[in-house]
């Protein structure tokens, strides 16, 4: 999958990215997807927060609709999120610490 995300919201605690992504299903079928990825840090106390990660995939190709209906779409998204979410969360933590240290 090739992704080129464009930030729609870019704040320290809220990031919303949109990508028109090229995807090859099983290395056979080419599909163009619109992917919206929204990440938020939601305060739960003075010292803790909840990390929210929402991914929305839009497409209009029949084979993708069938694969999504069969559960393959959520399987791929869950696998991708399980691998990538901890990296994004750590990156946000480090950026927040840098900003706090620099006073911005």
N, C-alpha and C. Protein backbone atom coordinates (compact mmCIF):
# COMPACT_ATOMS: atom_id res chain seq x y z
N UNK A 1 0.84 -1.17 0.00
CA UNK A 1 0.00 0.00 0.00
C UNK A 1 0.89 1.24 0.00
N UNK A 2 0.56 2.20 -0.84
CA UNK A 2 1.27 3.47 -0.88
C UNK A 2 0.33 4.54 -0.38
N UNK A 3 0.78 5.29 0.65
CA UNK A 3 -0.08 6.28 1.28
C UNK A 3 0.62 7.64 1.23
N UNK A 4 -0.16 8.66 0.93
CA UNK A 4 0.34 10.03 0.93
C UNK A 4 -0.65 10.86 1.73
N UNK A 5 -0.42 10.93 3.03
CA UNK A 5 -1.36 11.61 3.91
C UNK A 5 -1.19 13.11 3.85
N UNK A 6 -2.32 13.82 3.84
CA UNK A 6 -2.35 15.27 3.91
C UNK A 6 -3.03 15.64 5.22
N UNK A 7 -2.37 16.44 6.05
CA UNK A 7 -2.99 16.80 7.33
C UNK A 7 -4.16 17.76 7.13
N UNK A 8 -5.28 17.44 7.72
CA UNK A 8 -6.46 18.31 7.73
C UNK A 8 -6.54 19.04 9.07
N UNK A 9 -6.12 18.37 10.14
CA UNK A 9 -5.99 18.96 11.47
C UNK A 9 -4.62 18.54 11.98
N UNK A 10 -3.84 19.50 12.46
CA UNK A 10 -2.50 19.18 12.95
C UNK A 10 -2.24 19.97 14.23
N UNK A 11 -2.64 19.37 15.34
CA UNK A 11 -2.42 19.99 16.65
C UNK A 11 -1.69 18.97 17.53
N UNK A 12 -1.16 19.42 18.64
CA UNK A 12 -0.40 18.53 19.51
C UNK A 12 -1.23 17.37 20.02
N UNK A 13 -2.53 17.58 20.22
CA UNK A 13 -3.39 16.53 20.78
C UNK A 13 -4.44 16.01 19.80
N UNK A 14 -4.37 16.45 18.54
CA UNK A 14 -5.38 16.03 17.56
C UNK A 14 -4.76 16.09 16.16
N UNK A 15 -4.74 14.96 15.50
CA UNK A 15 -4.19 14.86 14.15
C UNK A 15 -5.20 14.15 13.27
N UNK A 16 -5.54 14.78 12.16
CA UNK A 16 -6.45 14.15 11.19
C UNK A 16 -5.77 14.20 9.83
N UNK A 17 -5.56 13.01 9.27
CA UNK A 17 -4.87 12.87 8.00
C UNK A 17 -5.78 12.21 6.98
N UNK A 18 -5.69 12.66 5.73
CA UNK A 18 -6.48 12.06 4.65
C UNK A 18 -5.53 11.67 3.53
N UNK A 19 -5.74 10.49 2.99
CA UNK A 19 -4.87 9.98 1.93
C UNK A 19 -5.69 9.33 0.83
N UNK A 20 -5.31 9.62 -0.39
CA UNK A 20 -5.79 8.84 -1.53
C UNK A 20 -4.71 7.79 -1.74
N UNK A 21 -4.99 6.55 -1.37
CA UNK A 21 -3.95 5.52 -1.31
C UNK A 21 -4.12 4.47 -2.39
N UNK A 22 -3.00 4.04 -2.92
CA UNK A 22 -2.97 2.95 -3.89
C UNK A 22 -2.78 1.65 -3.13
N UNK A 23 -3.59 0.66 -3.44
CA UNK A 23 -3.56 -0.60 -2.72
C UNK A 23 -3.68 -1.76 -3.71
N UNK A 24 -2.89 -2.78 -3.49
CA UNK A 24 -2.98 -4.01 -4.28
C UNK A 24 -3.52 -5.10 -3.36
N UNK A 25 -4.67 -5.66 -3.71
CA UNK A 25 -5.29 -6.72 -2.93
C UNK A 25 -4.70 -8.06 -3.38
N UNK A 26 -4.07 -8.75 -2.44
CA UNK A 26 -3.43 -10.05 -2.72
C UNK A 26 -2.47 -9.97 -3.90
N UNK A 27 -1.87 -8.80 -4.13
CA UNK A 27 -0.94 -8.56 -5.24
C UNK A 27 -1.57 -8.82 -6.60
N UNK A 28 -2.90 -8.74 -6.68
CA UNK A 28 -3.60 -9.03 -7.94
C UNK A 28 -4.45 -7.84 -8.38
N UNK A 29 -5.28 -7.30 -7.48
CA UNK A 29 -6.24 -6.26 -7.85
C UNK A 29 -5.79 -4.90 -7.34
N UNK A 30 -5.77 -3.92 -8.23
CA UNK A 30 -5.44 -2.56 -7.85
C UNK A 30 -6.70 -1.84 -7.39
N UNK A 31 -6.61 -1.13 -6.28
CA UNK A 31 -7.74 -0.38 -5.73
C UNK A 31 -7.23 0.97 -5.27
N UNK A 32 -8.01 2.00 -5.50
CA UNK A 32 -7.71 3.34 -4.98
C UNK A 32 -8.62 3.57 -3.78
N UNK A 33 -8.03 3.87 -2.64
CA UNK A 33 -8.78 4.04 -1.40
C UNK A 33 -8.62 5.46 -0.88
N UNK A 34 -9.66 5.97 -0.24
CA UNK A 34 -9.55 7.21 0.53
C UNK A 34 -9.52 6.79 1.99
N UNK A 35 -8.42 7.11 2.66
CA UNK A 35 -8.26 6.71 4.05
C UNK A 35 -8.17 7.97 4.91
N UNK A 36 -9.03 8.03 5.92
CA UNK A 36 -8.99 9.11 6.89
C UNK A 36 -8.53 8.51 8.21
N UNK A 37 -7.48 9.08 8.76
CA UNK A 37 -6.90 8.59 9.99
C UNK A 37 -6.94 9.73 11.00
N UNK A 38 -7.63 9.50 12.11
CA UNK A 38 -7.77 10.53 13.12
C UNK A 38 -7.24 10.03 14.46
N UNK A 39 -6.29 10.77 15.00
CA UNK A 39 -5.64 10.42 16.26
C UNK A 39 -5.90 11.55 17.26
N UNK A 40 -6.30 11.18 18.48
CA UNK A 40 -6.58 12.18 19.50
C UNK A 40 -6.01 11.73 20.84
N UNK A 41 -5.55 12.71 21.61
CA UNK A 41 -5.22 12.50 23.00
C UNK A 41 -6.33 13.17 23.80
N UNK A 42 -7.06 12.38 24.59
CA UNK A 42 -8.20 12.88 25.35
C UNK A 42 -7.83 12.83 26.82
N UNK A 43 -7.72 14.02 27.47
CA UNK A 43 -7.35 14.03 28.89
C UNK A 43 -8.37 13.28 29.75
N UNK A 44 -7.85 12.45 30.67
CA UNK A 44 -8.71 11.74 31.62
C UNK A 44 -8.43 12.18 33.05
N UNK A 45 -7.28 12.84 33.24
CA UNK A 45 -6.92 13.40 34.55
C UNK A 45 -5.81 14.43 34.31
N UNK A 46 -5.24 14.93 35.37
CA UNK A 46 -4.14 15.90 35.26
C UNK A 46 -2.89 15.28 34.60
N UNK A 47 -2.71 13.97 34.79
CA UNK A 47 -1.47 13.33 34.34
C UNK A 47 -1.67 12.19 33.34
N UNK A 48 -2.91 11.89 32.99
CA UNK A 48 -3.14 10.76 32.07
C UNK A 48 -4.08 11.19 30.95
N UNK A 49 -4.05 10.41 29.88
CA UNK A 49 -4.95 10.66 28.76
C UNK A 49 -5.27 9.35 28.05
N UNK A 50 -6.28 9.39 27.25
CA UNK A 50 -6.71 8.26 26.44
C UNK A 50 -6.24 8.53 25.01
N UNK A 51 -5.64 7.54 24.37
CA UNK A 51 -5.22 7.66 22.98
C UNK A 51 -6.31 7.06 22.10
N UNK A 52 -6.91 7.88 21.26
CA UNK A 52 -7.98 7.42 20.37
C UNK A 52 -7.45 7.37 18.94
N UNK A 53 -7.69 6.26 18.28
CA UNK A 53 -7.22 6.04 16.91
C UNK A 53 -8.40 5.56 16.08
N UNK A 54 -8.84 6.38 15.12
CA UNK A 54 -9.97 6.02 14.28
C UNK A 54 -9.52 6.03 12.82
N UNK A 55 -9.80 4.94 12.11
CA UNK A 55 -9.45 4.84 10.70
C UNK A 55 -10.73 4.60 9.91
N UNK A 56 -10.93 5.39 8.87
CA UNK A 56 -12.09 5.20 8.00
C UNK A 56 -11.58 4.97 6.57
N UNK A 57 -12.04 3.91 5.95
CA UNK A 57 -11.63 3.57 4.59
C UNK A 57 -12.85 3.71 3.69
N UNK A 58 -12.69 4.52 2.64
CA UNK A 58 -13.77 4.70 1.66
C UNK A 58 -13.31 4.17 0.31
N UNK A 59 -14.21 3.49 -0.36
CA UNK A 59 -13.91 2.91 -1.67
C UNK A 59 -15.22 2.70 -2.41
N UNK A 60 -15.13 2.51 -3.70
CA UNK A 60 -16.35 2.25 -4.46
C UNK A 60 -16.20 1.06 -5.40
N UNK A 61 -15.28 0.18 -5.08
CA UNK A 61 -15.04 -0.97 -5.93
C UNK A 61 -15.75 -2.18 -5.36
N UNK A 62 -16.44 -2.94 -6.16
CA UNK A 62 -17.26 -4.06 -5.72
C UNK A 62 -16.45 -5.12 -4.96
N UNK A 63 -15.27 -5.47 -5.45
CA UNK A 63 -14.49 -6.51 -4.77
C UNK A 63 -14.11 -6.07 -3.36
N UNK A 64 -13.85 -4.77 -3.17
CA UNK A 64 -13.54 -4.27 -1.83
C UNK A 64 -14.76 -4.35 -0.93
N UNK A 65 -15.93 -4.05 -1.47
CA UNK A 65 -17.16 -4.15 -0.68
C UNK A 65 -17.40 -5.59 -0.25
N UNK A 66 -17.13 -6.53 -1.14
CA UNK A 66 -17.30 -7.95 -0.81
C UNK A 66 -16.29 -8.36 0.26
N UNK A 67 -15.02 -7.99 0.08
CA UNK A 67 -14.00 -8.33 1.07
C UNK A 67 -14.31 -7.72 2.43
N UNK A 68 -14.79 -6.48 2.43
CA UNK A 68 -15.16 -5.82 3.70
C UNK A 68 -16.34 -6.56 4.34
N UNK A 69 -17.33 -6.92 3.54
CA UNK A 69 -18.50 -7.62 4.07
C UNK A 69 -18.12 -8.98 4.66
N UNK A 70 -17.09 -9.62 4.09
CA UNK A 70 -16.63 -10.91 4.58
C UNK A 70 -15.71 -10.79 5.80
N UNK A 71 -15.41 -9.57 6.17
CA UNK A 71 -14.59 -9.35 7.36
C UNK A 71 -13.11 -9.17 7.10
N UNK A 72 -12.68 -9.25 5.84
CA UNK A 72 -11.26 -9.11 5.56
C UNK A 72 -10.77 -7.69 5.81
N UNK A 73 -11.60 -6.71 5.52
CA UNK A 73 -11.21 -5.31 5.73
C UNK A 73 -10.88 -5.04 7.18
N UNK A 74 -11.74 -5.48 8.08
CA UNK A 74 -11.49 -5.23 9.50
C UNK A 74 -10.29 -6.03 9.98
N UNK A 75 -10.08 -7.21 9.41
CA UNK A 75 -8.92 -8.01 9.78
C UNK A 75 -7.63 -7.28 9.41
N UNK A 76 -7.56 -6.72 8.19
CA UNK A 76 -6.37 -5.99 7.77
C UNK A 76 -6.17 -4.74 8.61
N UNK A 77 -7.26 -4.01 8.89
CA UNK A 77 -7.16 -2.79 9.70
C UNK A 77 -6.71 -3.10 11.12
N UNK A 78 -7.25 -4.16 11.71
CA UNK A 78 -6.86 -4.54 13.07
C UNK A 78 -5.38 -4.90 13.12
N UNK A 79 -4.92 -5.66 12.14
CA UNK A 79 -3.51 -6.06 12.08
C UNK A 79 -2.63 -4.82 11.92
N UNK A 80 -3.01 -3.94 11.00
CA UNK A 80 -2.24 -2.72 10.77
C UNK A 80 -2.21 -1.85 12.02
N UNK A 81 -3.37 -1.66 12.65
CA UNK A 81 -3.45 -0.84 13.86
C UNK A 81 -2.63 -1.44 14.99
N UNK A 82 -2.68 -2.76 15.16
CA UNK A 82 -1.92 -3.41 16.23
C UNK A 82 -0.42 -3.19 16.06
N UNK A 83 0.03 -3.14 14.80
CA UNK A 83 1.45 -2.95 14.53
C UNK A 83 1.85 -1.48 14.64
N UNK A 84 1.01 -0.57 14.15
CA UNK A 84 1.41 0.83 14.01
C UNK A 84 0.99 1.74 15.16
N UNK A 85 -0.13 1.46 15.83
CA UNK A 85 -0.63 2.36 16.87
C UNK A 85 0.38 2.61 17.99
N UNK A 86 1.06 1.59 18.50
CA UNK A 86 2.04 1.88 19.55
C UNK A 86 3.14 2.85 19.11
N UNK A 87 3.54 2.77 17.83
CA UNK A 87 4.56 3.69 17.31
C UNK A 87 4.04 5.13 17.28
N UNK A 88 2.79 5.30 16.83
CA UNK A 88 2.21 6.64 16.82
C UNK A 88 2.02 7.18 18.23
N UNK A 89 1.58 6.33 19.13
CA UNK A 89 1.38 6.77 20.52
C UNK A 89 2.72 7.22 21.11
N UNK A 90 3.77 6.45 20.91
CA UNK A 90 5.09 6.80 21.44
C UNK A 90 5.58 8.11 20.81
N UNK A 91 5.36 8.26 19.52
CA UNK A 91 5.76 9.49 18.84
C UNK A 91 5.03 10.71 19.41
N UNK A 92 3.75 10.57 19.69
CA UNK A 92 2.99 11.67 20.29
C UNK A 92 3.49 11.98 21.69
N UNK A 93 3.80 10.96 22.46
CA UNK A 93 4.33 11.16 23.82
C UNK A 93 5.65 11.94 23.75
N UNK A 94 6.53 11.52 22.87
CA UNK A 94 7.83 12.19 22.75
C UNK A 94 7.67 13.63 22.28
N UNK A 95 6.79 13.88 21.32
CA UNK A 95 6.56 15.24 20.85
C UNK A 95 5.98 16.12 21.94
N UNK A 96 5.07 15.57 22.73
CA UNK A 96 4.47 16.32 23.83
C UNK A 96 5.51 16.65 24.89
N UNK A 97 6.37 15.71 25.20
CA UNK A 97 7.44 15.95 26.19
C UNK A 97 8.41 17.03 25.69
N UNK A 98 8.76 16.98 24.39
CA UNK A 98 9.66 17.99 23.82
C UNK A 98 9.03 19.38 23.92
N UNK A 99 7.74 19.45 23.57
CA UNK A 99 7.05 20.76 23.63
C UNK A 99 6.97 21.26 25.06
N UNK A 100 6.69 20.38 26.01
CA UNK A 100 6.61 20.78 27.42
C UNK A 100 7.98 21.26 27.91
N UNK A 101 9.02 20.57 27.50
CA UNK A 101 10.38 20.94 27.91
C UNK A 101 10.78 22.29 27.33
N UNK A 102 10.37 22.54 26.08
CA UNK A 102 10.71 23.80 25.41
C UNK A 102 9.74 24.93 25.76
N UNK A 103 8.68 24.62 26.47
CA UNK A 103 7.73 25.64 26.89
C UNK A 103 6.81 26.14 25.80
N UNK A 104 6.60 25.33 24.76
CA UNK A 104 5.70 25.78 23.68
C UNK A 104 4.45 24.95 23.62
